[in-house]
Amino acid sequence: MTSATVATLKHGDRLEILARRRAFLHVRTPGGAEGWTDERQLLAASDMQALQDLSHRAAKMPSQGQAFSFHEMTIHTLPVAHSPSFLTVAANEKVDVLTHMRTERKDVPRAPLIPAAPKKAKSARQGSGKQPKYPPPPMPKPPGPPPNWLDLSKTDLDEEAPPEETPENKVVPTDDWSLVRTSSGVSGWVLTRRLIMAIPDEVAQYAEGKRILSYLPLGSVMDGDQKKTVWLWTTTENGPQPQDFQSFRVFIWSLKRHRYETAFIARKVRGFSPVLLQEVEYDSQTRTRGSAATAKYPGFSVCLENDDGQRVRKQFALLGNIVRYAGEQPCEAPPPPLVTLDAPPPGSAPVAAPAVAPPVPTESFAERVRKRLRAMKKGLFGG
């Protein structure tokens, strides 16, 4: 049986908690409406603050391309499957993909909505302190194992037993998550496998079974009355990888063959997000022999790891339909982690929000006293 809906609230509205019954909370809205809701639909103050901080940081992050889903898609507060979902994106609605994160498939404890009641100190039992008149006899010494106890413990199954699982060979299931930003500026996490990068099919057909991690427009050319974009993309192998992408490629539109062709490709690289679009200074030879001119061209930069383990941001310039290497510099320092999946320290339970008040009794003390006196009078005088 489904109960009637008494009120509908928006994400971020605050509620007052009145009582708890198992997994349901009796709440009161700012307008005074009261009803019951599943506690999984509510966020604590610390969770709400962390989500707002994530949106503020995501607002400054460069987009790595747009994506969509064929079905409705829920956005989560954390890159964890069982974390609360606070927004639903409609099918075919585009979102900006900002970064990726691979996390272990595990449950993350949530901050309690209602602070736990303090535990009562257990009173130590006081013994009588009397000693028995006759002390008990000492316990006998246990018998030792037989001399051949190792041989007796062996079985035929010991030779066929699988290798013992250790932390080194234990396989931990993981999921790949993407941080996305909606058109309204709200950011959150979705499973990467739910996303389809919105790059045109005439370019996506060259993915060669790789997953397109990001794609960005470098410029455009006119082919008659059609405007064709020059695309840059990065791709990655399927499965967990120590780096974000292993290849990047530039596609240009051929005015002679009227199709996309590769202008530049780099394979077997160790690349890390983000990929940045920027104007790049490039020295090109002028008509005067021996002199050089520096000009700015549209281009991009990628953060790659060298063989010695050092990360450098390499810049490339787009000169018409040609891509040229334009220099490098150290990669920027990695930003602080976007989320923390560790359990909160003991004693740091936040105040509930959207629920802030502890449970209160439904009757006052005076009302309970009057009810008790009426019951005693009725029992003594019969009415």
Protein backbone atom coordinates (compact mmCIF):
# COMPACT_ATOMS: atom_id res chain seq x y z
CA MET A 1 0.00 0.00 0.00
CA THR A 2 1.33 3.42 -0.96
CA SER A 3 0.57 6.34 1.32
CA ALA A 4 -0.50 9.74 0.02
CA THR A 5 2.08 12.43 -0.73
CA VAL A 6 1.69 15.44 1.56
CA ALA A 7 4.50 17.63 0.15
CA THR A 8 7.25 17.68 -2.50
CA LEU A 9 10.57 19.40 -1.80
CA LYS A 10 13.48 20.50 -3.98
CA HIS A 11 17.09 19.46 -3.60
CA GLY A 12 18.68 21.54 -0.82
CA ASP A 13 15.50 22.26 1.17
CA ARG A 14 15.90 21.80 4.92
CA LEU A 15 13.68 19.58 7.05
CA GLU A 16 13.08 19.16 10.76
CA ILE A 17 13.24 15.62 12.12
CA LEU A 18 10.48 14.75 14.61
CA ALA A 19 10.82 10.99 15.10
CA ARG A 20 12.36 7.83 13.65
CA ARG A 21 10.74 4.50 12.90
CA ARG A 22 13.22 2.00 11.49
CA ALA A 23 14.43 3.39 8.13
CA PHE A 24 11.78 6.13 7.99
CA LEU A 25 11.86 9.60 9.49
CA HIS A 26 8.93 11.75 10.58
CA VAL A 27 9.78 15.22 9.25
CA ARG A 28 8.31 18.70 9.09
CA THR A 29 8.76 21.04 6.11
CA PRO A 30 9.41 24.79 6.45
CA GLY A 31 5.75 25.29 5.46
CA GLY A 32 4.54 23.17 8.39
CA ALA A 33 3.55 20.00 6.48
CA GLU A 34 4.42 16.77 8.29
CA GLY A 35 4.98 13.31 6.88
CA TRP A 36 7.29 10.32 6.62
CA THR A 37 10.22 9.83 4.24
CA ASP A 38 12.98 7.30 3.69
CA GLU A 39 16.17 8.45 5.41
CA ARG A 40 18.14 7.53 2.27
CA GLN A 41 16.51 10.52 0.56
CA LEU A 42 18.14 12.97 2.99
CA LEU A 43 21.67 14.32 3.33
CA ALA A 44 23.53 15.39 6.45
CA ALA A 45 25.06 18.84 6.78
CA SER A 46 28.60 17.61 6.01
CA ASP A 47 27.42 15.69 2.93
CA MET A 48 25.56 18.73 1.63
CA GLN A 49 28.57 20.99 2.23
CA ALA A 50 30.88 18.53 0.42
CA LEU A 51 28.50 18.45 -2.54
CA GLN A 52 28.42 22.24 -2.73
CA ASP A 53 32.23 22.41 -2.55
CA LEU A 54 32.42 19.87 -5.38
CA SER A 55 30.14 22.01 -7.56
CA HIS A 56 32.24 25.12 -6.87
CA ARG A 57 35.45 23.34 -7.89
CA ALA A 58 33.82 21.70 -10.91
CA ALA A 59 32.59 25.09 -12.18
CA LYS A 60 36.24 26.09 -12.80
CA MET A 61 37.30 22.83 -14.48
CA PRO A 62 37.64 22.76 -18.29
CA SER A 63 35.22 20.52 -20.16
CA GLN A 64 36.70 17.44 -21.82
CA GLY A 65 33.72 17.06 -24.16
CA GLN A 66 29.99 16.46 -23.94
CA ALA A 67 28.21 13.16 -23.41
CA PHE A 68 24.69 11.80 -23.16
CA SER A 69 22.82 8.62 -22.26
CA PHE A 70 20.09 6.76 -24.14
CA HIS A 71 18.13 6.37 -20.88
CA GLU A 72 17.49 8.43 -17.77
CA MET A 73 20.66 8.78 -15.71
CA THR A 74 21.00 9.51 -12.00
CA ILE A 75 23.78 11.73 -10.65
CA HIS A 76 25.38 10.66 -7.35
CA THR A 77 27.04 12.63 -4.59
CA LEU A 78 30.06 10.29 -4.52
CA PRO A 79 31.72 7.91 -7.00
CA VAL A 80 30.14 4.95 -5.18
CA ALA A 81 27.22 2.86 -6.41
CA HIS A 82 25.23 3.08 -3.15
CA SER A 83 25.80 6.79 -2.58
CA PRO A 84 22.72 9.07 -2.60
CA SER A 85 21.45 10.23 -6.01
CA PHE A 86 20.16 13.79 -6.01
CA LEU A 87 19.42 14.55 -9.68
CA THR A 88 18.06 12.73 -12.72
CA VAL A 89 19.22 13.65 -16.23
CA ALA A 90 16.76 12.98 -19.04
CA ALA A 91 17.60 10.69 -21.94
CA ASN A 92 19.72 12.34 -24.68
CA GLU A 93 20.37 15.39 -22.47
CA LYS A 94 24.00 16.47 -22.85
CA VAL A 95 26.35 17.03 -19.91
CA ASP A 96 29.98 18.21 -19.76
CA VAL A 97 32.48 15.53 -18.81
CA LEU A 98 35.18 16.97 -16.53
CA THR A 99 37.33 14.10 -15.25
CA HIS A 100 37.36 10.40 -14.44
CA MET A 101 38.02 8.44 -11.29
CA ARG A 102 38.29 4.69 -10.64
CA THR A 103 37.19 3.58 -7.17
CA GLU A 104 36.81 0.30 -5.34
CA ARG A 105 33.33 -1.18 -5.29
CA LYS A 106 32.50 -0.76 -1.62
CA ASP A 107 30.04 0.91 0.72
CA VAL A 108 31.00 4.26 2.19
CA PRO A 109 29.53 5.09 5.62
CA ARG A 110 27.27 8.14 5.59
CA ALA A 111 27.15 10.81 8.24
CA PRO A 112 24.23 10.14 10.63
CA LEU A 113 21.19 12.38 10.28
CA ILE A 114 20.49 12.17 14.02
CA PRO A 115 23.41 12.22 16.48
CA ALA A 116 23.71 8.95 18.35
CA ALA A 117 22.55 9.01 21.97
CA PRO A 118 25.45 8.92 24.44
CA LYS A 119 26.06 5.47 25.86
CA LYS A 120 25.48 4.98 29.56
CA ALA A 121 28.55 4.09 31.55
CA LYS A 122 28.40 0.54 32.82
CA SER A 123 28.64 0.33 36.59
CA ALA A 124 31.29 -2.07 37.78
CA ARG A 125 29.89 -4.96 39.75
CA GLN A 126 31.14 -4.98 43.27
CA GLY A 127 32.01 -8.40 44.53
CA SER A 128 31.48 -9.60 48.06
CA GLY A 129 35.24 -9.68 48.62
CA LYS A 130 34.96 -12.87 50.67
CA GLN A 131 37.51 -15.57 50.08
CA PRO A 132 36.40 -19.23 50.18
CA LYS A 133 37.35 -21.14 53.30
CA TYR A 134 39.02 -23.86 51.24
CA PRO A 135 40.66 -22.74 47.94
CA PRO A 136 39.86 -24.85 44.87
CA PRO A 137 42.48 -27.38 43.76
CA PRO A 138 44.85 -26.26 40.95
CA MET A 139 43.92 -27.15 37.38
CA PRO A 140 45.85 -30.10 35.94
CA LYS A 141 48.35 -29.46 33.19
CA PRO A 142 46.85 -30.15 29.72
CA PRO A 143 48.34 -33.08 27.83
CA GLY A 144 50.76 -32.28 25.01
CA PRO A 145 50.26 -33.19 21.33
CA PRO A 146 51.51 -36.54 20.05
CA PRO A 147 55.00 -36.57 18.50
CA ASN A 148 53.62 -37.19 14.97
CA TRP A 149 50.86 -34.56 15.11
CA LEU A 150 52.03 -32.92 11.86
CA ASP A 151 51.71 -36.18 9.93
CA LEU A 152 48.30 -36.82 11.45
CA SER A 153 47.11 -33.37 10.30
CA LYS A 154 47.91 -33.92 6.63
CA THR A 155 45.18 -34.87 4.14
CA ASP A 156 45.01 -35.54 0.43
CA LEU A 157 43.31 -32.17 -0.08
CA ASP A 158 46.39 -30.25 1.06
CA GLU A 159 48.19 -31.00 -2.21
CA GLU A 160 45.22 -29.77 -4.32
CA ALA A 161 44.42 -26.70 -2.23
CA PRO A 162 44.42 -23.39 -4.20
CA PRO A 163 47.05 -20.81 -3.36
CA GLU A 164 46.22 -18.78 -0.32
CA GLU A 165 44.74 -15.34 -1.06
CA THR A 166 47.04 -12.52 -0.01
CA PRO A 167 46.70 -8.73 -0.31
CA GLU A 168 49.12 -8.88 -3.26
CA ASN A 169 47.06 -11.27 -5.42
CA LYS A 170 43.58 -10.28 -4.21
CA VAL A 171 41.42 -8.92 -7.04
CA VAL A 172 39.37 -5.92 -5.89
CA PRO A 173 36.41 -5.03 -8.14
CA THR A 174 36.40 -1.40 -9.26
CA ASP A 175 34.14 0.98 -11.18
CA ASP A 176 35.02 3.89 -13.44
CA TRP A 177 33.15 7.11 -12.64
CA SER A 178 32.92 10.43 -14.47
CA LEU A 179 32.43 13.85 -12.92
CA VAL A 180 29.84 15.67 -15.04
CA ARG A 181 28.37 19.17 -15.06
CA THR A 182 24.81 19.80 -16.22
CA SER A 183 23.63 22.81 -18.23
CA SER A 184 22.32 24.34 -14.98
CA GLY A 185 25.79 24.14 -13.37
CA VAL A 186 25.10 21.21 -11.00
CA SER A 187 27.95 18.68 -10.76
CA GLY A 188 28.05 15.08 -9.58
CA TRP A 189 29.22 11.56 -10.42
CA VAL A 190 27.84 9.05 -12.93
CA LEU A 191 29.05 5.64 -14.03
CA THR A 192 31.26 6.10 -17.10
CA ARG A 193 29.70 3.12 -18.86
CA ARG A 194 26.37 4.99 -18.87
CA LEU A 195 27.85 7.82 -20.95
CA ILE A 196 28.21 8.10 -24.71
CA MET A 197 30.59 10.81 -25.93
CA ALA A 198 28.75 13.11 -28.33
CA ILE A 199 31.47 13.27 -30.99
CA PRO A 200 30.04 12.85 -34.55
CA ASP A 201 29.76 9.29 -35.83
CA GLU A 202 31.88 10.10 -38.90
CA VAL A 203 34.79 10.60 -36.47
CA ALA A 204 33.84 8.07 -33.75
CA GLN A 205 34.01 5.24 -36.31
CA TYR A 206 37.81 5.44 -36.13
CA ALA A 207 37.97 4.56 -32.42
CA GLU A 208 39.30 1.05 -33.23
CA GLY A 209 37.57 -0.47 -30.21
CA LYS A 210 39.09 2.05 -27.79
CA ARG A 211 37.04 4.17 -25.40
CA ILE A 212 36.99 7.88 -26.25
CA LEU A 213 37.99 9.65 -23.06
CA SER A 214 37.78 13.26 -24.28
CA TYR A 215 37.25 15.24 -27.47
CA LEU A 216 37.72 18.95 -28.17
CA PRO A 217 37.28 21.24 -31.21
CA LEU A 218 40.49 22.81 -32.56
CA GLY A 219 38.92 24.84 -35.36
CA SER A 220 36.74 24.48 -38.46
CA VAL A 221 36.85 24.54 -42.26
CA MET A 222 34.16 25.26 -44.85
CA ASP A 223 33.41 22.64 -47.50
CA GLY A 224 30.92 24.40 -49.71
CA ASP A 225 28.03 25.34 -47.46
CA GLN A 226 29.00 22.78 -44.78
CA LYS A 227 31.07 23.70 -41.73
CA LYS A 228 33.35 20.88 -40.60
CA THR A 229 35.11 20.88 -37.22
CA VAL A 230 38.75 19.93 -36.65
CA TRP A 231 38.68 17.46 -33.75
CA LEU A 232 41.19 16.37 -31.12
CA TRP A 233 40.48 13.29 -29.07
CA THR A 234 42.12 11.02 -26.49
CA THR A 235 41.40 7.31 -26.18
CA THR A 236 42.10 4.64 -23.59
CA GLU A 237 42.16 0.87 -23.48
CA ASN A 238 39.32 -0.99 -21.81
CA GLY A 239 39.89 -2.00 -18.22
CA PRO A 240 41.90 -0.41 -15.39
CA GLN A 241 44.92 1.56 -16.54
CA PRO A 242 47.62 3.41 -14.55
CA GLN A 243 47.19 6.48 -16.79
CA ASP A 244 44.17 8.32 -18.16
CA PHE A 245 44.79 7.82 -21.88
CA GLN A 246 47.24 5.98 -24.16
CA SER A 247 46.66 7.78 -27.46
CA PHE A 248 45.66 11.18 -28.82
CA ARG A 249 44.74 12.08 -32.39
CA VAL A 250 43.80 15.09 -34.53
CA PHE A 251 41.22 14.76 -37.34
CA ILE A 252 40.95 17.26 -40.19
CA TRP A 253 38.37 17.46 -42.96
CA SER A 254 39.77 16.70 -46.42
CA LEU A 255 38.40 19.15 -49.00
CA LYS A 256 39.60 16.82 -51.76
CA ARG A 257 38.09 13.54 -50.53
CA HIS A 258 35.26 15.08 -48.44
CA ARG A 259 35.96 12.95 -45.37
CA TYR A 260 37.84 13.05 -42.10
CA GLU A 261 41.51 12.10 -42.16
CA THR A 262 44.23 11.89 -39.53
CA ALA A 263 46.51 14.92 -39.30
CA PHE A 264 48.45 13.73 -36.24
CA ILE A 265 48.42 10.66 -34.00
CA ALA A 266 50.48 9.56 -30.99
CA ARG A 267 50.12 6.02 -29.62
CA LYS A 268 51.47 4.20 -26.57
CA VAL A 269 51.76 7.33 -24.46
CA ARG A 270 51.11 7.76 -20.75
CA GLY A 271 48.76 10.72 -20.67
CA PHE A 272 46.90 12.41 -17.85
CA SER A 273 43.88 14.72 -17.81
CA PRO A 274 43.04 17.45 -18.46
CA VAL A 275 43.66 18.20 -22.12
CA LEU A 276 43.78 21.99 -22.62
CA LEU A 277 42.94 24.12 -25.64
CA GLN A 278 45.17 27.19 -25.89
CA GLU A 279 46.96 29.50 -28.27
CA VAL A 280 50.50 28.24 -28.82
CA GLU A 281 53.58 30.22 -29.85
CA TYR A 282 55.40 28.60 -32.76
CA ASP A 283 58.54 29.70 -34.61
CA SER A 284 58.06 29.45 -38.38
CA GLN A 285 60.69 30.27 -41.04
CA THR A 286 59.92 33.43 -43.00
CA ARG A 287 60.78 34.20 -46.60
CA THR A 288 63.97 35.93 -45.52
CA ARG A 289 66.67 33.31 -45.09
CA GLY A 290 68.11 32.99 -41.60
CA SER A 291 65.38 34.91 -39.82
CA ALA A 292 62.53 33.51 -37.78
CA ALA A 293 59.18 34.89 -36.70
CA THR A 294 57.16 33.84 -33.68
CA ALA A 295 53.39 33.82 -34.03
CA LYS A 296 50.50 32.41 -32.06
CA TYR A 297 48.43 29.61 -33.54
CA PRO A 298 45.44 27.63 -32.28
CA GLY A 299 46.62 24.52 -30.52
CA PHE A 300 46.47 22.28 -27.49
CA SER A 301 48.60 20.77 -24.75
CA VAL A 302 48.66 17.33 -23.15
CA CYS A 303 50.33 16.15 -19.94
CA LEU A 304 52.53 13.13 -20.73
CA GLU A 305 54.88 11.03 -18.61
CA ASN A 306 58.41 10.51 -19.92
CA ASP A 307 60.42 7.32 -19.64
CA ASP A 308 62.11 8.70 -16.52
CA GLY A 309 58.74 9.17 -14.79
CA GLN A 310 58.67 12.98 -15.11
CA ARG A 311 55.43 14.57 -16.33
CA VAL A 312 55.67 17.36 -18.90
CA ARG A 313 52.94 19.31 -20.68
CA LYS A 314 53.69 19.17 -24.40
CA GLN A 315 52.25 21.86 -26.67
CA PHE A 316 51.17 21.42 -30.27
CA ALA A 317 50.20 24.08 -32.81
CA LEU A 318 47.67 23.66 -35.63
CA LEU A 319 49.01 25.27 -38.82
CA GLY A 320 46.15 24.91 -41.28
CA ASN A 321 45.88 21.14 -41.71
CA ILE A 322 49.28 20.36 -40.14
CA VAL A 323 50.07 19.75 -36.45
CA ARG A 324 53.52 20.72 -35.17
CA TYR A 325 55.23 20.19 -31.82
CA ALA A 326 55.75 23.62 -30.21
CA GLY A 327 57.55 22.95 -26.91
CA GLU A 328 56.99 21.66 -23.41
CA GLN A 329 56.98 22.67 -19.77
CA PRO A 330 56.46 20.85 -16.45
CA CYS A 331 52.89 19.77 -15.77
CA GLU A 332 50.97 21.69 -13.17
CA ALA A 333 50.83 20.24 -9.65
CA PRO A 334 47.98 17.75 -9.20
CA PRO A 335 44.94 19.31 -7.48
CA PRO A 336 43.71 18.03 -4.12
CA PRO A 337 41.39 15.00 -4.32
CA LEU A 338 37.84 15.81 -5.35
CA VAL A 339 36.30 13.38 -2.88
CA THR A 340 37.34 11.45 0.22
CA LEU A 341 35.89 7.97 0.58
CA ASP A 342 37.32 7.26 4.02
CA ALA A 343 35.03 6.91 7.01
CA PRO A 344 34.55 10.07 9.11
CA PRO A 345 36.60 10.14 12.32
CA PRO A 346 34.83 9.11 15.52
CA GLY A 347 32.99 11.85 17.33
CA SER A 348 32.63 14.05 14.23
CA ALA A 349 28.96 13.34 13.52
CA PRO A 350 27.51 16.44 11.86
CA VAL A 351 24.22 18.11 12.55
CA ALA A 352 21.56 16.84 10.22
CA ALA A 353 20.66 18.88 7.19
CA PRO A 354 18.13 18.83 5.59
CA ALA A 355 17.11 17.60 9.05
CA VAL A 356 18.34 19.58 12.05
CA ALA A 357 16.24 18.94 15.15
CA PRO A 358 16.40 15.83 17.40
CA PRO A 359 13.25 13.76 18.03
CA VAL A 360 10.79 15.40 20.44
CA PRO A 361 7.86 13.80 22.35
CA THR A 362 4.42 14.29 20.85
CA GLU A 363 2.83 15.17 24.26
CA SER A 364 4.02 17.63 26.88
CA PHE A 365 4.71 16.63 30.49
CA ALA A 366 1.63 18.47 31.82
CA GLU A 367 -0.64 16.69 29.35
CA ARG A 368 0.68 13.29 30.43
CA VAL A 369 0.14 14.15 34.15
CA ARG A 370 -3.47 15.25 33.52
CA LYS A 371 -4.17 12.10 31.55
CA ARG A 372 -2.77 9.96 34.38
CA LEU A 373 -4.95 11.75 37.01
CA ARG A 374 -8.09 11.28 34.90
CA ALA A 375 -7.33 7.57 34.62
CA MET A 376 -6.87 7.24 38.42
CA LYS A 377 -10.13 9.12 39.10
CA LYS A 378 -12.01 6.92 36.70
CA GLY A 379 -10.66 3.79 38.40
CA LEU A 380 -11.54 5.00 41.93
CA PHE A 381 -15.00 6.48 41.34
CA GLY A 382 -16.08 4.48 38.30
CA GLY A 383 -16.59 7.34 35.83
